[in-house]
Protein backbone atom coordinates (compact mmCIF):
# COMPACT_ATOMS: atom_id res chain seq x y z
CA MET A 1 0.00 0.00 0.00
CA PRO A 2 1.25 3.53 -0.61
CA LEU A 3 2.76 5.62 2.14
CA CYS A 4 0.79 8.56 0.87
CA PRO A 5 -0.93 9.31 -2.45
CA GLY A 6 1.51 8.94 -5.30
CA THR A 7 4.40 7.74 -3.11
CA PRO A 8 5.24 4.02 -3.22
CA THR A 9 6.03 2.13 -0.04
CA PRO A 10 9.81 1.62 0.17
CA ALA A 11 10.63 -1.97 -0.70
CA HIS A 12 12.38 -4.24 1.79
CA SER A 13 14.97 -6.73 0.66
CA THR A 14 13.43 -10.11 -0.06
CA VAL A 15 16.85 -11.73 0.32
CA THR A 16 17.77 -10.69 3.85
CA GLU A 17 14.33 -10.29 5.43
CA THR A 18 11.59 -12.79 6.21
CA HIS A 19 7.95 -11.88 6.56
CA VAL A 20 6.50 -13.86 9.45
CA ILE A 21 2.97 -12.48 9.03
CA THR A 22 1.49 -11.83 5.60
CA THR A 23 -2.08 -11.07 4.63
CA THR A 24 -3.07 -10.79 0.99
CA GLY A 25 -6.32 -9.26 -0.20
CA LEU A 26 -7.84 -9.85 3.22
CA THR A 27 -11.55 -9.08 3.36
CA LYS A 28 -14.03 -9.49 6.19
CA VAL A 29 -17.73 -8.81 5.68
CA TYR A 30 -20.19 -9.09 8.56
CA ARG A 31 -23.80 -9.84 7.70
CA ALA A 32 -26.59 -9.01 10.14
CA ARG A 33 -30.29 -8.21 9.77
CA GLY A 34 -30.17 -8.20 6.02
CA ARG A 35 -27.27 -5.80 5.61
CA GLU A 36 -23.54 -6.09 5.12
CA VAL A 37 -20.72 -4.27 6.88
CA THR A 38 -17.23 -4.46 5.36
CA ALA A 39 -14.71 -4.42 8.22
CA LEU A 40 -11.68 -5.31 6.09
CA ASP A 41 -11.39 -4.29 2.47
CA GLY A 42 -8.47 -5.95 0.70
CA VAL A 43 -5.78 -5.63 3.40
CA ASP A 44 -2.19 -6.46 2.43
CA LEU A 45 0.06 -6.62 5.50
CA HIS A 46 3.71 -7.67 5.75
CA VAL A 47 5.33 -8.04 9.18
CA ARG A 48 9.01 -8.89 9.24
CA GLU A 49 10.60 -11.43 11.55
CA GLY A 50 11.62 -10.03 14.93
CA GLU A 51 9.98 -6.61 14.63
CA VAL A 52 7.32 -4.86 16.64
CA TYR A 53 4.64 -3.77 14.18
CA GLY A 54 1.87 -1.39 15.19
CA VAL A 55 -1.48 -0.99 13.44
CA ILE A 56 -3.14 2.26 14.43
CA GLY A 57 -6.51 3.75 13.62
CA GLN A 58 -9.71 5.12 15.09
CA SER A 59 -12.56 2.96 16.38
CA GLY A 60 -14.26 1.21 13.48
CA ALA A 61 -11.17 1.33 11.26
CA GLY A 62 -10.95 -2.48 11.21
CA LYS A 63 -8.00 -3.04 13.55
CA SER A 64 -9.65 -5.63 15.80
CA SER A 65 -11.07 -7.54 12.84
CA LEU A 66 -7.59 -7.64 11.31
CA ILE A 67 -5.82 -9.04 14.35
CA ARG A 68 -8.58 -11.60 14.95
CA CYS A 69 -8.32 -12.72 11.34
CA VAL A 70 -4.55 -13.16 11.68
CA ASN A 71 -5.06 -16.05 14.12
CA LEU A 72 -8.42 -17.01 12.57
CA LEU A 73 -10.51 -16.24 15.64
CA GLU A 74 -12.48 -14.57 12.85
CA ARG A 75 -12.55 -16.34 9.50
CA PRO A 76 -11.86 -13.99 6.59
CA THR A 77 -14.51 -13.65 3.90
CA SER A 78 -11.73 -13.77 1.30
CA GLY A 79 -7.97 -13.45 1.03
CA THR A 80 -5.16 -15.34 2.72
CA VAL A 81 -3.33 -15.25 6.06
CA THR A 82 0.15 -16.74 6.29
CA VAL A 83 1.98 -17.01 9.63
CA ALA A 84 5.49 -18.46 9.89
CA GLY A 85 5.23 -19.83 6.36
CA GLN A 86 1.89 -21.60 6.88
CA ASP A 87 -1.30 -20.56 5.11
CA LEU A 88 -3.85 -20.63 7.93
CA THR A 89 -6.80 -19.87 5.66
CA ALA A 90 -6.07 -23.08 3.75
CA LEU A 91 -6.63 -25.04 6.97
CA ALA A 92 -9.93 -23.46 7.96
CA GLY A 93 -13.01 -25.58 7.45
CA ARG A 94 -11.20 -28.42 5.66
CA GLY A 95 -12.14 -31.35 7.87
CA PRO A 96 -10.82 -32.88 11.15
CA ARG A 97 -7.23 -33.27 9.99
CA ALA A 98 -6.96 -29.69 8.79
CA GLY A 99 -8.68 -28.54 11.99
CA LYS A 100 -6.03 -30.29 14.05
CA GLU A 101 -3.29 -28.62 12.00
CA LEU A 102 -4.98 -25.25 12.48
CA ARG A 103 -5.07 -25.73 16.26
CA ARG A 104 -1.38 -26.64 16.20
CA ALA A 105 -0.59 -23.55 14.12
CA ARG A 106 -2.60 -21.36 16.51
CA SER A 107 -0.58 -22.66 19.45
CA ARG A 108 2.42 -20.85 17.94
CA ILE A 109 0.51 -17.54 18.03
CA GLY A 110 0.16 -15.88 21.43
CA MET A 111 -2.69 -13.43 22.06
CA VAL A 112 -2.90 -10.66 24.66
CA PHE A 113 -6.34 -9.12 25.19
CA GLN A 114 -7.46 -5.65 26.25
CA HIS A 115 -9.47 -6.87 29.25
CA PHE A 116 -7.06 -9.63 30.33
CA ASN A 117 -9.60 -12.53 29.98
CA LEU A 118 -8.34 -14.27 33.12
CA LEU A 119 -10.41 -16.93 34.91
CA SER A 120 -11.33 -15.48 38.31
CA SER A 121 -11.70 -18.91 39.94
CA ARG A 122 -8.15 -19.97 39.07
CA THR A 123 -4.89 -18.79 40.59
CA VAL A 124 -2.35 -16.82 38.60
CA GLN A 125 -0.28 -19.95 38.03
CA ASP A 126 -3.36 -21.94 36.97
CA ASN A 127 -4.30 -19.23 34.47
CA VAL A 128 -0.85 -19.43 32.89
CA GLU A 129 -1.03 -23.24 32.83
CA LEU A 130 -4.37 -23.27 30.98
CA PRO A 131 -2.95 -23.33 27.42
CA LEU A 132 -0.56 -26.09 28.47
CA GLU A 133 -3.47 -28.16 29.78
CA ILE A 134 -5.18 -27.80 26.42
CA LEU A 135 -1.96 -28.96 24.74
CA GLY A 136 -1.96 -32.05 26.99
CA LYS A 137 1.22 -31.30 28.94
CA SER A 138 1.88 -33.09 32.23
CA GLY A 139 1.24 -31.39 35.56
CA GLN A 140 4.94 -31.19 36.37
CA GLU A 141 5.77 -29.70 32.98
CA ARG A 142 2.91 -27.20 33.26
CA SER A 143 4.02 -26.07 36.69
CA ARG A 144 7.65 -25.65 35.67
CA LYS A 145 6.78 -23.66 32.55
CA ALA A 146 4.24 -21.43 34.30
CA LEU A 147 6.66 -20.51 37.09
CA GLU A 148 9.38 -19.72 34.53
CA LEU A 149 7.03 -17.41 32.64
CA LEU A 150 5.80 -15.68 35.79
CA ASP A 151 9.40 -15.00 36.72
CA LEU A 152 10.00 -13.64 33.21
CA VAL A 153 7.17 -11.10 33.55
CA GLY A 154 8.12 -10.17 37.12
CA LEU A 155 5.32 -11.96 38.99
CA ALA A 156 7.06 -14.97 40.51
CA ASP A 157 5.71 -13.99 43.94
CA LYS A 158 2.08 -13.90 42.72
CA ALA A 159 1.75 -17.51 41.55
CA GLY A 160 -0.76 -18.41 44.27
CA ALA A 161 -2.79 -15.20 44.08
CA TYR A 162 -6.14 -14.78 42.34
CA PRO A 163 -6.91 -12.19 39.63
CA ALA A 164 -9.07 -10.13 42.02
CA GLN A 165 -5.99 -9.56 44.18
CA LEU A 166 -3.97 -8.04 41.31
CA SER A 167 -3.69 -4.57 39.81
CA GLY A 168 -4.54 -3.96 36.17
CA GLY A 169 -0.89 -4.00 35.16
CA GLN A 170 -0.29 -7.26 37.03
CA LYS A 171 -3.30 -8.86 35.35
CA GLN A 172 -1.92 -7.89 31.96
CA ARG A 173 1.45 -9.38 32.87
CA VAL A 174 -0.34 -12.64 33.69
CA GLY A 175 -2.09 -12.40 30.32
CA ILE A 176 1.27 -11.97 28.60
CA ALA A 177 2.75 -14.95 30.49
CA ARG A 178 -0.25 -17.07 29.46
CA ALA A 179 0.19 -15.97 25.83
CA LEU A 180 3.82 -17.16 25.95
CA ALA A 181 2.99 -20.60 27.35
CA GLY A 182 3.00 -22.32 23.95
CA ASP A 183 6.41 -20.87 22.96
CA PRO A 184 4.88 -18.79 20.18
CA LYS A 185 6.80 -17.28 17.29
CA VAL A 186 4.27 -14.45 17.09
CA LEU A 187 2.61 -12.37 19.81
CA LEU A 188 -0.59 -10.49 19.00
CA SER A 189 -1.63 -7.61 21.23
CA ASP A 190 -5.23 -6.40 20.99
CA GLU A 191 -5.28 -2.93 22.61
CA ALA A 192 -3.37 -4.47 25.52
CA THR A 193 -2.65 -1.14 27.22
CA SER A 194 -5.81 0.88 26.55
CA ALA A 195 -7.36 -0.06 29.92
CA LEU A 196 -4.24 0.90 31.89
CA ASP A 197 -2.98 4.16 33.37
CA PRO A 198 -0.02 5.91 31.65
CA GLU A 199 2.69 4.68 34.03
CA THR A 200 1.47 1.07 33.86
CA THR A 201 1.18 1.37 30.08
CA ARG A 202 4.86 2.34 29.88
CA SER A 203 5.88 -0.67 31.97
CA ILE A 204 3.84 -3.09 29.84
CA LEU A 205 5.24 -1.64 26.62
CA ALA A 206 8.76 -1.96 28.01
CA LEU A 207 8.02 -5.59 28.87
CA LEU A 208 6.76 -6.30 25.33
CA ARG A 209 9.90 -4.74 23.87
CA ASP A 210 12.12 -6.76 26.25
CA LEU A 211 10.33 -9.98 25.27
CA ASN A 212 10.69 -9.07 21.62
CA ARG A 213 14.45 -8.78 22.07
CA GLN A 214 15.06 -11.62 24.53
CA LEU A 215 12.89 -14.25 22.84
CA GLY A 216 13.10 -13.05 19.25
CA LEU A 217 9.32 -12.63 19.20
CA THR A 218 7.57 -10.94 16.33
CA VAL A 219 4.94 -8.65 17.86
CA LEU A 220 1.87 -7.34 16.05
CA LEU A 221 -0.08 -4.86 18.12
CA ILE A 222 -3.13 -2.76 17.42
CA THR A 223 -3.81 0.50 19.17
CA HIS A 224 -5.48 3.87 18.86
CA GLU A 225 -2.73 5.51 20.92
CA MET A 226 0.05 7.18 18.95
CA ASP A 227 2.38 7.07 21.99
CA VAL A 228 2.34 3.26 21.78
CA VAL A 229 3.71 3.40 18.24
CA LYS A 230 6.25 6.02 19.28
CA SER A 231 7.45 3.96 22.27
CA VAL A 232 8.00 0.47 20.89
CA CYS A 233 7.22 0.03 17.19
CA ASP A 234 9.76 -0.60 14.45
CA SER A 235 7.09 -0.35 11.73
CA ALA A 236 3.54 0.90 11.60
CA ALA A 237 0.43 1.00 9.45
CA LEU A 238 -2.49 3.42 9.48
CA MET A 239 -5.96 1.94 8.95
CA GLU A 240 -9.02 3.84 7.75
CA ASN A 241 -12.36 2.32 6.74
CA GLY A 242 -11.01 -1.23 6.60
CA ARG A 243 -7.98 -0.39 4.49
CA ILE A 244 -4.29 0.24 5.15
CA VAL A 245 -3.69 3.71 3.76
CA GLU A 246 -0.08 4.12 4.90
CA SER A 247 2.65 1.75 6.04
CA GLY A 248 6.40 1.42 6.46
CA THR A 249 9.15 1.49 9.05
CA VAL A 250 8.86 4.39 11.46
CA SER A 251 12.03 5.97 10.04
CA GLU A 252 10.61 5.71 6.49
CA LEU A 253 7.35 7.28 7.56
CA LEU A 254 9.13 10.17 9.25
CA ALA A 255 11.10 10.76 6.05
CA THR A 256 8.01 10.81 3.80
CA PRO A 257 6.57 14.21 2.85
CA GLY A 258 2.89 14.45 3.72
CA SER A 259 2.84 11.32 5.91
CA GLU A 260 -0.24 11.31 8.15
CA LEU A 261 1.45 8.99 10.63
CA ALA A 262 4.54 11.18 10.88
CA ALA A 263 2.38 14.24 11.48
CA ALA A 264 0.40 12.38 14.15
CA LEU A 265 3.56 11.13 15.88
CA PHE A 266 4.90 14.68 16.08
CA PRO A 267 2.02 17.12 15.63
CA LEU A 268 3.05 20.67 14.81
CA ASP A 269 0.94 23.82 14.89
CA GLY A 270 1.53 27.27 13.51
CA GLU A 271 0.40 29.21 10.45
CA ALA A 272 2.31 31.64 8.24
CA SER A 273 2.13 35.16 9.56
CA GLY A 274 1.58 36.53 6.05
CA GLU A 275 1.34 35.67 2.37
CA ASP A 276 4.99 36.61 1.90
CA ARG A 277 6.16 33.97 4.36
CA THR A 278 7.05 30.27 3.86
CA VAL A 279 6.30 27.62 6.49
CA VAL A 280 8.72 24.67 6.50
CA ASP A 281 8.48 21.45 8.54
CA VAL A 282 11.90 20.00 9.35
CA THR A 283 12.40 16.42 10.58
CA PHE A 284 15.63 15.52 12.42
CA GLN A 285 16.74 11.92 13.02
CA GLY A 286 19.74 10.49 14.85
CA GLU A 287 22.82 12.72 14.99
CA SER A 288 21.14 15.54 13.05
CA ALA A 289 18.74 16.02 15.98
CA THR A 290 21.58 17.51 18.05
CA GLN A 291 23.16 19.67 15.33
CA PRO A 292 22.59 23.50 15.27
CA VAL A 293 21.33 23.39 11.68
CA ILE A 294 18.73 26.15 12.02
CA SER A 295 21.25 28.63 13.47
CA GLN A 296 23.68 27.67 10.67
CA LEU A 297 20.96 28.42 8.14
CA ALA A 298 20.28 31.83 9.68
CA ARG A 299 23.99 32.77 9.68
CA THR A 300 24.73 31.42 6.21
CA TYR A 301 21.93 33.33 4.47
CA ASN A 302 21.56 36.20 6.95
CA ILE A 303 17.83 35.62 7.39
CA ASP A 304 15.52 35.85 10.38
CA ILE A 305 13.86 32.54 11.16
CA SER A 306 10.78 32.18 13.36
CA ILE A 307 10.18 28.88 15.20
CA LEU A 308 6.44 28.19 15.22
CA GLY A 309 6.55 24.84 17.00
CA ALA A 310 8.86 21.96 17.89
CA ALA A 311 8.79 18.46 19.36
CA ILE A 312 11.55 15.97 20.14
CA ASP A 313 11.37 12.42 21.47
CA THR A 314 12.94 8.97 21.22
CA VAL A 315 11.33 6.64 18.69
CA GLY A 316 12.57 3.06 18.48
CA GLY A 317 15.75 4.02 20.32
CA LEU A 318 16.46 6.83 17.83
CA GLN A 319 16.24 10.50 18.77
CA VAL A 320 13.76 12.20 16.47
CA GLY A 321 12.58 15.78 16.33
CA ARG A 322 10.27 17.89 14.19
CA MET A 323 10.27 21.66 13.95
CA ARG A 324 8.00 24.08 12.12
CA ILE A 325 9.82 27.23 11.06
CA GLU A 326 8.86 30.32 9.09
CA LEU A 327 11.17 31.86 6.49
CA PRO A 328 10.81 35.39 5.11
CA GLY A 329 9.63 35.47 1.49
CA ARG A 330 7.55 33.16 -0.69
CA TYR A 331 8.43 29.56 -1.49
CA GLU A 332 10.16 30.58 -4.76
CA ASP A 333 12.40 32.95 -2.78
CA ASN A 334 13.50 30.16 -0.41
CA VAL A 335 14.54 27.38 -2.78
CA VAL A 336 18.22 27.84 -1.90
CA PRO A 337 17.76 27.89 1.94
CA ILE A 338 15.47 24.86 1.69
CA GLY A 339 18.10 23.13 -0.44
CA PHE A 340 20.66 23.89 2.29
CA LEU A 341 18.51 22.02 4.83
CA ARG A 342 18.09 19.08 2.46
CA GLU A 343 21.87 18.92 1.92
CA LYS A 344 22.25 18.57 5.69
CA GLY A 345 20.32 15.30 5.46
CA LEU A 346 17.10 16.65 6.93
CA GLN A 347 13.61 15.72 5.78
CA ILE A 348 11.86 18.87 4.54
CA ASP A 349 8.13 19.27 4.03
CA VAL A 350 6.66 22.56 2.83
CA PRO A 351 2.87 22.51 3.28
CA GLY A 352 1.25 23.25 -0.07
CA HIS A 353 4.42 22.48 -2.02
CA GLU A 354 4.84 18.70 -1.46
CA SER A 355 4.84 17.90 -5.19
CA ALA A 356 7.69 20.32 -5.80
CA LEU A 357 9.74 18.75 -3.02
CA VAL A 358 9.19 15.23 -4.36
CA LYS A 359 10.45 16.38 -7.78
CA GLU A 360 13.51 18.03 -6.17
CA GLY A 361 14.31 14.88 -4.23
CA ALA A 362 14.18 12.80 -7.39
CA LYS A 363 16.92 14.84 -9.08
């Protein structure tokens, strides 16, 4: 899918990278009371091995339907879902043998839910052991594995407690431990932090990132919170009306003129103070975020620069900043100063002149 109208998604190497999750032409249509609602409309998704991939969008965009179709909790109306090289849609509804293969494939996909879905009558350890019971593991093996996982998520001392005795963050940690019980290759997170307070959200996101690195897990998470994408995601996709309208690595998105996701990650306000002024959005990444480029620009061309807004943060371990500045004169008068910023390796976006910038960048 395109990053933005007219701009192709940057291609990833097919030689060095493996896509663990792939959906092709995925469609989901719900039928109720004589009418149809299309939740997914031809979704193509590619999640690389070992990355944290965020799907963001407003309520009703199709995020939940997508993640439930990935593990076939919802069966797609059409299209295919491939996880770890296995076409799950080919196994759905194909008889007892295929059903058994589908259950085995699902056991390699962990799922973390928004509202925890813990059994109140079972202890924390028993909740974590539940998937292992379903897989037919022995009591001793279940106990050993559950205690290991509880230690991994920082709840070794809560094994004998019941869900009602836990905080929201602790319940979600139990849910994560339970999702890891089958040694999954993929972890799906369905709005796992939306019911938590900001501090607890940060701790859960840090845990997901740690698990991603320690266990080599591929994590697909859906959220409506831009801070979640900013905190832990390597790549992201924006969903609207059942379609992916923008996707790519976070660094690619930040370097794409007109990217809705980049603008949402670092929103900037400020209008030109007059018709004879040019507003420029500047994106800094890595080392350029600490360089005095704007002051260099002012000295080099002896111009007064107004800063209308700025934001800086760490995204995926990389320092990223965006700044909205105002230059004296119209766009045509500022081609050389704007070129100076581009030569410094900065991403430049001039609202209202995106097409001109794309042509410049192609030279």
